[in-house]
Amino acid sequence: FTIRINDRRILKAMAASCGFAEADYDAVFIAL
């Protein structure tokens, strides 16, 4: 089996570096 791992701070940094507004993060993550 596989343990998939990530970090919410990496998710936010990726979104921020691409110009997404913080208010849009949840919507972006739902799509992702």
PDB file of all heavy atoms in Angstrom:
ATOM      1  N   PHE A   1       0.841  -1.192   0.000  1.00  0.00           N
ATOM      2  CA  PHE A   1       0.000   0.000   0.000  1.00  0.00           C
ATOM      3  C   PHE A   1       0.879   1.247   0.000  1.00  0.00           C
ATOM      4  O   PHE A   1       2.121   1.152   0.073  1.00  0.00           O
ATOM      5  CB  PHE A   1      -0.982   0.000   1.172  1.00  0.00           C
ATOM      6  CG  PHE A   1      -0.345  -0.147   2.531  1.00  0.00           C
ATOM      7  CD1 PHE A   1       0.003   0.971   3.284  1.00  0.00           C
ATOM      8  CD2 PHE A   1      -0.119  -1.402   3.076  1.00  0.00           C
ATOM      9  CE1 PHE A   1       0.570   0.844   4.531  1.00  0.00           C
ATOM     10  CE2 PHE A   1       0.458  -1.542   4.339  1.00  0.00           C
ATOM     11  CZ  PHE A   1       0.807  -0.421   5.062  1.00  0.00           C
ATOM     12  N   THR A   2       0.262   2.404  -0.097  1.00  0.00           N
ATOM     13  CA  THR A   2       0.997   3.662  -0.229  1.00  0.00           C
ATOM     14  C   THR A   2       0.506   4.668   0.795  1.00  0.00           C
ATOM     15  O   THR A   2      -0.697   4.827   0.995  1.00  0.00           O
ATOM     16  CB  THR A   2       0.811   4.258  -1.637  1.00  0.00           C
ATOM     17  OG1 THR A   2       1.301   3.329  -2.610  1.00  0.00           O
ATOM     18  CG2 THR A   2       1.580   5.568  -1.794  1.00  0.00           C
ATOM     19  N   ILE A   3       1.440   5.344   1.443  1.00  0.00           N
ATOM     20  CA  ILE A   3       1.113   6.496   2.270  1.00  0.00           C
ATOM     21  C   ILE A   3       1.435   7.742   1.445  1.00  0.00           C
ATOM     22  O   ILE A   3       2.598   8.048   1.187  1.00  0.00           O
ATOM     23  CB  ILE A   3       1.913   6.522   3.587  1.00  0.00           C
ATOM     24  CG1 ILE A   3       1.673   5.246   4.394  1.00  0.00           C
ATOM     25  CG2 ILE A   3       1.558   7.772   4.396  1.00  0.00           C
ATOM     26  CD1 ILE A   3       0.266   5.076   4.900  1.00  0.00           C
ATOM     27  N   ARG A   4       0.399   8.411   0.980  1.00  0.00           N
ATOM     28  CA  ARG A   4       0.569   9.673   0.253  1.00  0.00           C
ATOM     29  C   ARG A   4       0.659  10.797   1.260  1.00  0.00           C
ATOM     30  O   ARG A   4      -0.118  10.848   2.214  1.00  0.00           O
ATOM     31  CB  ARG A   4      -0.611   9.898  -0.694  1.00  0.00           C
ATOM     32  CG  ARG A   4      -0.741   8.837  -1.774  1.00  0.00           C
ATOM     33  CD  ARG A   4      -2.132   8.821  -2.389  1.00  0.00           C
ATOM     34  NE  ARG A   4      -2.475  10.103  -2.979  1.00  0.00           N
ATOM     35  CZ  ARG A   4      -3.695  10.645  -2.906  1.00  0.00           C
ATOM     36  NH1 ARG A   4      -4.667  10.040  -2.262  1.00  0.00           N
ATOM     37  NH2 ARG A   4      -3.921  11.814  -3.487  1.00  0.00           N
ATOM     38  N   ILE A   5       1.621  11.696   1.060  1.00  0.00           N
ATOM     39  CA  ILE A   5       1.857  12.746   2.044  1.00  0.00           C
ATOM     40  C   ILE A   5       2.075  14.087   1.364  1.00  0.00           C
ATOM     41  O   ILE A   5       2.642  14.150   0.261  1.00  0.00           O
ATOM     42  CB  ILE A   5       3.062  12.376   2.954  1.00  0.00           C
ATOM     43  CG1 ILE A   5       3.186  13.362   4.123  1.00  0.00           C
ATOM     44  CG2 ILE A   5       4.357  12.287   2.164  1.00  0.00           C
ATOM     45  CD1 ILE A   5       4.145  12.890   5.210  1.00  0.00           C
ATOM     46  N   ASN A   6       1.601  15.135   1.994  1.00  0.00           N
ATOM     47  CA  ASN A   6       1.763  16.499   1.507  1.00  0.00           C
ATOM     48  C   ASN A   6       1.750  17.417   2.719  1.00  0.00           C
ATOM     49  O   ASN A   6       1.721  16.953   3.870  1.00  0.00           O
ATOM     50  CB  ASN A   6       0.626  16.851   0.524  1.00  0.00           C
ATOM     51  CG  ASN A   6       0.918  18.098  -0.301  1.00  0.00           C
ATOM     52  OD1 ASN A   6       2.050  18.598  -0.316  1.00  0.00           O
ATOM     53  ND2 ASN A   6      -0.079  18.617  -0.972  1.00  0.00           N
ATOM     54  N   ASP A   7       1.759  18.717   2.490  1.00  0.00           N
ATOM     55  CA  ASP A   7       1.687  19.689   3.579  1.00  0.00           C
ATOM     56  C   ASP A   7       0.801  20.839   3.133  1.00  0.00           C
ATOM     57  O   ASP A   7       0.960  21.355   2.018  1.00  0.00           O
ATOM     58  CB  ASP A   7       3.087  20.203   3.937  1.00  0.00           C
ATOM     59  CG  ASP A   7       3.114  20.939   5.265  1.00  0.00           C
ATOM     60  OD1 ASP A   7       2.434  21.987   5.385  1.00  0.00           O
ATOM     61  OD2 ASP A   7       3.833  20.493   6.187  1.00  0.00           O
ATOM     62  N   ARG A   8      -0.139  21.230   3.972  1.00  0.00           N
ATOM     63  CA  ARG A   8      -1.050  22.314   3.608  1.00  0.00           C
ATOM     64  C   ARG A   8      -0.292  23.609   3.325  1.00  0.00           C
ATOM     65  O   ARG A   8      -0.726  24.427   2.515  1.00  0.00           O
ATOM     66  CB  ARG A   8      -2.058  22.557   4.737  1.00  0.00           C
ATOM     67  CG  ARG A   8      -3.044  21.436   4.967  1.00  0.00           C
ATOM     68  CD  ARG A   8      -4.146  21.380   3.940  1.00  0.00           C
ATOM     69  NE  ARG A   8      -5.087  22.476   4.053  1.00  0.00           N
ATOM     70  CZ  ARG A   8      -6.273  22.495   3.452  1.00  0.00           C
ATOM     71  NH1 ARG A   8      -6.658  21.452   2.725  1.00  0.00           N
ATOM     72  NH2 ARG A   8      -7.077  23.522   3.573  1.00  0.00           N
ATOM     73  N   ARG A   9       0.851  23.790   3.972  1.00  0.00           N
ATOM     74  CA  ARG A   9       1.632  25.000   3.732  1.00  0.00           C
ATOM     75  C   ARG A   9       2.272  24.989   2.350  1.00  0.00           C
ATOM     76  O   ARG A   9       2.442  26.042   1.730  1.00  0.00           O
ATOM     77  CB  ARG A   9       2.680  25.165   4.835  1.00  0.00           C
ATOM     78  CG  ARG A   9       2.068  25.460   6.200  1.00  0.00           C
ATOM     79  CD  ARG A   9       3.048  25.253   7.330  1.00  0.00           C
ATOM     80  NE  ARG A   9       3.411  23.845   7.475  1.00  0.00           N
ATOM     81  CZ  ARG A   9       4.181  23.364   8.452  1.00  0.00           C
ATOM     82  NH1 ARG A   9       4.639  24.187   9.385  1.00  0.00           N
ATOM     83  NH2 ARG A   9       4.476  22.089   8.525  1.00  0.00           N
ATOM     84  N   ILE A  10       2.588  23.800   1.839  1.00  0.00           N
ATOM     85  CA  ILE A  10       3.073  23.689   0.468  1.00  0.00           C
ATOM     86  C   ILE A  10       1.948  23.999  -0.512  1.00  0.00           C
ATOM     87  O   ILE A  10       2.140  24.705  -1.504  1.00  0.00           O
ATOM     88  CB  ILE A  10       3.666  22.297   0.215  1.00  0.00           C
ATOM     89  CG1 ILE A  10       4.963  22.124   1.001  1.00  0.00           C
ATOM     90  CG2 ILE A  10       3.918  22.068  -1.284  1.00  0.00           C
ATOM     91  CD1 ILE A  10       5.597  20.753   0.876  1.00  0.00           C
ATOM     92  N   LEU A  11       0.758  23.485  -0.225  1.00  0.00           N
ATOM     93  CA  LEU A  11      -0.397  23.790  -1.068  1.00  0.00           C
ATOM     94  C   LEU A  11      -0.623  25.301  -1.174  1.00  0.00           C
ATOM     95  O   LEU A  11      -0.830  25.846  -2.265  1.00  0.00           O
ATOM     96  CB  LEU A  11      -1.655  23.136  -0.487  1.00  0.00           C
ATOM     97  CG  LEU A  11      -1.888  21.652  -0.771  1.00  0.00           C
ATOM     98  CD1 LEU A  11      -3.044  21.139   0.080  1.00  0.00           C
ATOM     99  CD2 LEU A  11      -2.171  21.403  -2.236  1.00  0.00           C
ATOM    100  N   LYS A  12      -0.577  25.983  -0.035  1.00  0.00           N
ATOM    101  CA  LYS A  12      -0.816  27.426  -0.026  1.00  0.00           C
ATOM    102  C   LYS A  12       0.298  28.176  -0.735  1.00  0.00           C
ATOM    103  O   LYS A  12       0.051  29.154  -1.450  1.00  0.00           O
ATOM    104  CB  LYS A  12      -0.969  27.909   1.420  1.00  0.00           C
ATOM    105  CG  LYS A  12      -2.228  27.414   2.094  1.00  0.00           C
ATOM    106  CD  LYS A  12      -2.322  27.882   3.545  1.00  0.00           C
ATOM    107  CE  LYS A  12      -3.602  27.381   4.207  1.00  0.00           C
ATOM    108  NZ  LYS A  12      -3.696  27.802   5.624  1.00  0.00           N
ATOM    109  N   ALA A  13       1.553  27.743  -0.540  1.00  0.00           N
ATOM    110  CA  ALA A  13       2.682  28.405  -1.189  1.00  0.00           C
ATOM    111  C   ALA A  13       2.606  28.257  -2.701  1.00  0.00           C
ATOM    112  O   ALA A  13       2.918  29.205  -3.453  1.00  0.00           O
ATOM    113  CB  ALA A  13       3.995  27.833  -0.659  1.00  0.00           C
ATOM    114  N   MET A  14       2.186  27.091  -3.179  1.00  0.00           N
ATOM    115  CA  MET A  14       2.046  26.867  -4.616  1.00  0.00           C
ATOM    116  C   MET A  14       0.981  27.797  -5.203  1.00  0.00           C
ATOM    117  O   MET A  14       1.171  28.395  -6.257  1.00  0.00           O
ATOM    118  CB  MET A  14       1.695  25.398  -4.895  1.00  0.00           C
ATOM    119  CG  MET A  14       2.818  24.433  -4.551  1.00  0.00           C
ATOM    120  SD  MET A  14       2.322  22.692  -4.648  1.00  0.00           S
ATOM    121  CE  MET A  14       2.305  22.435  -6.414  1.00  0.00           C
ATOM    122  N   ALA A  15      -0.143  27.933  -4.492  1.00  0.00           N
ATOM    123  CA  ALA A  15      -1.207  28.813  -4.963  1.00  0.00           C
ATOM    124  C   ALA A  15      -0.772  30.272  -4.940  1.00  0.00           C
ATOM    125  O   ALA A  15      -1.016  31.031  -5.892  1.00  0.00           O
ATOM    126  CB  ALA A  15      -2.461  28.611  -4.108  1.00  0.00           C
ATOM    127  N   ALA A  16      -0.094  30.665  -3.873  1.00  0.00           N
ATOM    128  CA  ALA A  16       0.350  32.059  -3.749  1.00  0.00           C
ATOM    129  C   ALA A  16       1.366  32.416  -4.822  1.00  0.00           C
ATOM    130  O   ALA A  16       1.332  33.517  -5.397  1.00  0.00           O
ATOM    131  CB  ALA A  16       0.941  32.288  -2.361  1.00  0.00           C
ATOM    132  N   SER A  17       2.280  31.501  -5.121  1.00  0.00           N
ATOM    133  CA  SER A  17       3.335  31.785  -6.098  1.00  0.00           C
ATOM    134  C   SER A  17       2.781  31.965  -7.509  1.00  0.00           C
ATOM    135  O   SER A  17       3.457  32.539  -8.371  1.00  0.00           O
ATOM    136  CB  SER A  17       4.370  30.652  -6.093  1.00  0.00           C
ATOM    137  OG  SER A  17       3.838  29.471  -6.664  1.00  0.00           O
ATOM    138  N   CYS A  18       1.562  31.487  -7.724  1.00  0.00           N
ATOM    139  CA  CYS A  18       0.944  31.596  -9.052  1.00  0.00           C
ATOM    140  C   CYS A  18      -0.064  32.743  -9.127  1.00  0.00           C
ATOM    141  O   CYS A  18      -0.742  32.906 -10.151  1.00  0.00           O
ATOM    142  CB  CYS A  18       0.281  30.278  -9.436  1.00  0.00           C
ATOM    143  SG  CYS A  18       1.450  28.904  -9.557  1.00  0.00           S
ATOM    144  N   GLY A  19      -0.163  33.520  -8.055  1.00  0.00           N
ATOM    145  CA  GLY A  19      -0.989  34.715  -8.094  1.00  0.00           C
ATOM    146  C   GLY A  19      -2.416  34.552  -7.645  1.00  0.00           C
ATOM    147  O   GLY A  19      -3.211  35.488  -7.770  1.00  0.00           O
ATOM    148  N   PHE A  20      -2.786  33.392  -7.096  1.00  0.00           N
ATOM    149  CA  PHE A  20      -4.152  33.233  -6.596  1.00  0.00           C
ATOM    150  C   PHE A  20      -4.311  34.015  -5.285  1.00  0.00           C
ATOM    151  O   PHE A  20      -3.408  34.029  -4.440  1.00  0.00           O
ATOM    152  CB  PHE A  20      -4.478  31.765  -6.342  1.00  0.00           C
ATOM    153  CG  PHE A  20      -4.568  30.937  -7.589  1.00  0.00           C
ATOM    154  CD1 PHE A  20      -3.566  30.044  -7.928  1.00  0.00           C
ATOM    155  CD2 PHE A  20      -5.660  31.060  -8.440  1.00  0.00           C
ATOM    156  CE1 PHE A  20      -3.644  29.281  -9.080  1.00  0.00           C
ATOM    157  CE2 PHE A  20      -5.755  30.290  -9.593  1.00  0.00           C
ATOM    158  CZ  PHE A  20      -4.738  29.402  -9.923  1.00  0.00           C
ATOM    159  N   ALA A  21      -5.457  34.644  -5.120  1.00  0.00           N
ATOM    160  CA  ALA A  21      -5.749  35.359  -3.886  1.00  0.00           C
ATOM    161  C   ALA A  21      -6.016  34.365  -2.760  1.00  0.00           C
ATOM    162  O   ALA A  21      -6.565  33.286  -2.993  1.00  0.00           O
ATOM    163  CB  ALA A  21      -6.961  36.269  -4.079  1.00  0.00           C
ATOM    164  N   GLU A  22      -5.645  34.729  -1.531  1.00  0.00           N
ATOM    165  CA  GLU A  22      -5.830  33.822  -0.401  1.00  0.00           C
ATOM    166  C   GLU A  22      -7.294  33.440  -0.217  1.00  0.00           C
ATOM    167  O   GLU A  22      -7.610  32.315   0.171  1.00  0.00           O
ATOM    168  CB  GLU A  22      -5.287  34.472   0.875  1.00  0.00           C
ATOM    169  CG  GLU A  22      -5.274  33.535   2.067  1.00  0.00           C
ATOM    170  CD  GLU A  22      -4.553  34.106   3.274  1.00  0.00           C
ATOM    171  OE1 GLU A  22      -3.946  35.186   3.151  1.00  0.00           O
ATOM    172  OE2 GLU A  22      -4.600  33.463   4.342  1.00  0.00           O
ATOM    173  N   ALA A  23      -8.187  34.372  -0.533  1.00  0.00           N
ATOM    174  CA  ALA A  23      -9.621  34.089  -0.402  1.00  0.00           C
ATOM    175  C   ALA A  23     -10.084  33.001  -1.364  1.00  0.00           C
ATOM    176  O   ALA A  23     -11.139  32.395  -1.163  1.00  0.00           O
ATOM    177  CB  ALA A  23     -10.424  35.369  -0.645  1.00  0.00           C
ATOM    178  N   ASP A  24      -9.292  32.733  -2.421  1.00  0.00           N
ATOM    179  CA  ASP A  24      -9.667  31.739  -3.426  1.00  0.00           C
ATOM    180  C   ASP A  24      -9.020  30.376  -3.181  1.00  0.00           C
ATOM    181  O   ASP A  24      -9.269  29.430  -3.937  1.00  0.00           O
ATOM    182  CB  ASP A  24      -9.262  32.227  -4.825  1.00  0.00           C
ATOM    183  CG  ASP A  24     -10.047  33.448  -5.255  1.00  0.00           C
ATOM    184  OD1 ASP A  24     -11.189  33.598  -4.800  1.00  0.00           O
ATOM    185  OD2 ASP A  24      -9.517  34.254  -6.047  1.00  0.00           O
ATOM    186  N   TYR A  25      -8.177  30.281  -2.158  1.00  0.00           N
ATOM    187  CA  TYR A  25      -7.426  29.036  -1.951  1.00  0.00           C
ATOM    188  C   TYR A  25      -8.342  27.820  -1.839  1.00  0.00           C
ATOM    189  O   TYR A  25      -8.114  26.790  -2.494  1.00  0.00           O
ATOM    190  CB  TYR A  25      -6.565  29.121  -0.691  1.00  0.00           C
ATOM    191  CG  TYR A  25      -5.335  29.991  -0.805  1.00  0.00           C
ATOM    192  CD1 TYR A  25      -4.513  30.222   0.303  1.00  0.00           C
ATOM    193  CD2 TYR A  25      -4.977  30.599  -2.009  1.00  0.00           C
ATOM    194  CE1 TYR A  25      -3.384  31.011   0.222  1.00  0.00           C
ATOM    195  CE2 TYR A  25      -3.854  31.396  -2.109  1.00  0.00           C
ATOM    196  CZ  TYR A  25      -3.061  31.608  -0.981  1.00  0.00           C
ATOM    197  OH  TYR A  25      -1.945  32.393  -1.057  1.00  0.00           O
ATOM    198  N   ASP A  26      -9.375  27.912  -1.005  1.00  0.00           N
ATOM    199  CA  ASP A  26     -10.243  26.746  -0.784  1.00  0.00           C
ATOM    200  C   ASP A  26     -10.879  26.282  -2.088  1.00  0.00           C
ATOM    201  O   ASP A  26     -10.952  25.065  -2.359  1.00  0.00           O
ATOM    202  CB  ASP A  26     -11.322  27.066   0.245  1.00  0.00           C
ATOM    203  CG  ASP A  26     -10.786  27.050   1.675  1.00  0.00           C
ATOM    204  OD1 ASP A  26      -9.657  26.553   1.873  1.00  0.00           O
ATOM    205  OD2 ASP A  26     -11.485  27.547   2.578  1.00  0.00           O
ATOM    206  N   ALA A  27     -11.337  27.229  -2.922  1.00  0.00           N
ATOM    207  CA  ALA A  27     -11.957  26.865  -4.204  1.00  0.00           C
ATOM    208  C   ALA A  27     -10.933  26.215  -5.129  1.00  0.00           C
ATOM    209  O   ALA A  27     -11.244  25.254  -5.848  1.00  0.00           O
ATOM    210  CB  ALA A  27     -12.562  28.100  -4.860  1.00  0.00           C
ATOM    211  N   VAL A  28      -9.711  26.743  -5.123  1.00  0.00           N
ATOM    212  CA  VAL A  28      -8.638  26.165  -5.943  1.00  0.00           C
ATOM    213  C   VAL A  28      -8.329  24.744  -5.481  1.00  0.00           C
ATOM    214  O   VAL A  28      -8.185  23.816  -6.289  1.00  0.00           O
ATOM    215  CB  VAL A  28      -7.367  27.042  -5.876  1.00  0.00           C
ATOM    216  CG1 VAL A  28      -6.185  26.338  -6.544  1.00  0.00           C
ATOM    217  CG2 VAL A  28      -7.611  28.394  -6.539  1.00  0.00           C
ATOM    218  N   PHE A  29      -8.271  24.550  -4.165  1.00  0.00           N
ATOM    219  CA  PHE A  29      -7.935  23.232  -3.627  1.00  0.00           C
ATOM    220  C   PHE A  29      -9.054  22.219  -3.886  1.00  0.00           C
ATOM    221  O   PHE A  29      -8.794  21.033  -4.109  1.00  0.00           O
ATOM    222  CB  PHE A  29      -7.662  23.315  -2.119  1.00  0.00           C
ATOM    223  CG  PHE A  29      -6.471  24.180  -1.759  1.00  0.00           C
ATOM    224  CD1 PHE A  29      -6.340  24.717  -0.496  1.00  0.00           C
ATOM    225  CD2 PHE A  29      -5.494  24.463  -2.700  1.00  0.00           C
ATOM    226  CE1 PHE A  29      -5.255  25.508  -0.165  1.00  0.00           C
ATOM    227  CE2 PHE A  29      -4.397  25.266  -2.383  1.00  0.00           C
ATOM    228  CZ  PHE A  29      -4.281  25.788  -1.106  1.00  0.00           C
ATOM    229  N   ILE A  30     -10.297  22.681  -3.862  1.00  0.00           N
ATOM    230  CA  ILE A  30     -11.427  21.791  -4.165  1.00  0.00           C
ATOM    231  C   ILE A  30     -11.310  21.265  -5.594  1.00  0.00           C
ATOM    232  O   ILE A  30     -11.532  20.079  -5.864  1.00  0.00           O
ATOM    233  CB  ILE A  30     -12.766  22.527  -3.955  1.00  0.00           C
ATOM    234  CG1 ILE A  30     -13.025  22.725  -2.450  1.00  0.00           C
ATOM    235  CG2 ILE A  30     -13.921  21.747  -4.578  1.00  0.00           C
ATOM    236  CD1 ILE A  30     -14.200  23.618  -2.142  1.00  0.00           C
ATOM    237  N   ALA A  31     -10.935  22.147  -6.520  1.00  0.00           N
ATOM    238  CA  ALA A  31     -10.740  21.716  -7.910  1.00  0.00           C
ATOM    239  C   ALA A  31      -9.554  20.768  -8.021  1.00  0.00           C
ATOM    240  O   ALA A  31      -9.616  19.734  -8.699  1.00  0.00           O
ATOM    241  CB  ALA A  31     -10.540  22.933  -8.810  1.00  0.00           C
ATOM    242  N   LEU A  32      -8.461  21.102  -7.327  1.00  0.00           N
ATOM    243  CA  LEU A  32      -7.258  20.267  -7.371  1.00  0.00           C
ATOM    244  C   LEU A  32      -7.538  18.875  -6.823  1.00  0.00           C
ATOM    245  O   LEU A  32      -7.000  17.874  -7.327  1.00  0.00           O
ATOM    246  CB  LEU A  32      -6.139  20.934  -6.565  1.00  0.00           C
ATOM    247  CG  LEU A  32      -4.826  20.170  -6.460  1.00  0.00           C
ATOM    248  CD1 LEU A  32      -4.166  20.040  -7.830  1.00  0.00           C
ATOM    249  CD2 LEU A  32      -3.877  20.862  -5.473  1.00  0.00           C
TER     250      LEU A  32
END
